[in-house]
Amino acid sequence: MTDTQSVIEDQALNELFADFETEHLTPLWTQLGDLMPMTPASRAVPFVWKWSTLYPLARRAGDLVPIVEG
């Protein structure tokens, strides 16, 4: 991978994470340490996500984040 490709990929990932945050989403692959806590500590907030918003984010995540990283 060239330096230019790496910069473009980093920028695309940063934009993806910013879009996740805009939609009040947290990618599961960044939460591995918090998946099975010893005691519950829910910070859940009710929210409605529209498929028309989620699907493009999921497609971008699939393209940008290889399964080996998650």
Protein backbone atom coordinates (compact mmCIF):
# COMPACT_ATOMS: atom_id res chain seq x y z
CA MET A 1 0.00 0.00 0.00
CA THR A 2 1.36 3.42 -0.92
CA ASP A 3 1.49 6.37 1.46
CA THR A 4 -1.22 8.09 -0.59
CA GLN A 5 -3.50 5.06 -0.33
CA SER A 6 -2.88 4.90 3.41
CA VAL A 7 -3.77 8.56 3.87
CA ILE A 8 -6.94 8.16 1.81
CA GLU A 9 -7.94 5.05 3.77
CA ASP A 10 -7.24 6.79 7.11
CA GLN A 11 -9.36 9.75 6.02
CA ALA A 12 -12.18 7.43 4.94
CA LEU A 13 -12.06 5.62 8.30
CA ASN A 14 -12.11 8.92 10.19
CA GLU A 15 -15.15 10.02 8.19
CA LEU A 16 -16.84 6.67 8.86
CA PHE A 17 -16.29 6.98 12.63
CA ALA A 18 -17.57 10.56 12.56
CA ASP A 19 -20.70 9.41 10.73
CA PHE A 20 -21.20 6.61 13.28
CA GLU A 21 -20.98 9.20 16.06
CA THR A 22 -23.47 11.48 14.28
CA GLU A 23 -25.95 8.58 14.26
CA HIS A 24 -25.25 7.73 17.93
CA LEU A 25 -23.63 4.42 16.96
CA THR A 26 -20.52 2.71 18.31
CA PRO A 27 -18.82 0.11 16.12
CA LEU A 28 -18.80 -3.25 17.89
CA TRP A 29 -15.16 -3.95 16.97
CA THR A 30 -14.10 -1.02 19.18
CA GLN A 31 -16.00 -2.33 22.22
CA LEU A 32 -14.48 -5.77 22.80
CA GLY A 33 -13.40 -5.00 26.38
CA ASP A 34 -16.87 -3.77 27.38
CA LEU A 35 -18.96 -6.57 25.88
CA MET A 36 -19.15 -8.79 28.96
CA PRO A 37 -18.76 -6.66 32.12
CA MET A 38 -18.93 -8.31 35.55
CA THR A 39 -21.77 -5.98 36.57
CA PRO A 40 -24.28 -4.21 34.34
CA ALA A 41 -23.73 -0.51 33.79
CA SER A 42 -26.19 0.43 31.09
CA ARG A 43 -25.94 3.87 29.60
CA ALA A 44 -28.54 2.99 27.00
CA VAL A 45 -30.58 5.82 25.58
CA PRO A 46 -33.66 5.07 23.46
CA PHE A 47 -33.03 5.94 19.85
CA VAL A 48 -34.51 5.07 16.45
CA TRP A 49 -32.19 4.24 13.57
CA LYS A 50 -33.46 4.19 10.01
CA TRP A 51 -32.34 1.40 7.72
CA SER A 52 -31.73 3.96 4.98
CA THR A 53 -29.07 5.50 7.24
CA LEU A 54 -27.63 2.31 8.74
CA TYR A 55 -27.16 0.36 5.52
CA PRO A 56 -24.73 2.80 3.86
CA LEU A 57 -22.72 3.02 7.09
CA ALA A 58 -22.58 -0.78 7.35
CA ARG A 59 -21.45 -1.07 3.71
CA ARG A 60 -18.69 1.48 4.25
CA ALA A 61 -17.59 -0.28 7.44
CA GLY A 62 -17.45 -3.59 5.58
CA ASP A 63 -15.31 -2.04 2.87
CA LEU A 64 -12.95 -0.19 5.22
CA VAL A 65 -12.55 -2.51 8.21
CA PRO A 66 -11.31 -6.02 7.43
CA ILE A 67 -12.84 -8.79 9.53
CA VAL A 68 -9.40 -9.62 10.95
CA GLU A 69 -9.41 -6.27 12.80
CA GLY A 70 -12.76 -6.90 14.41
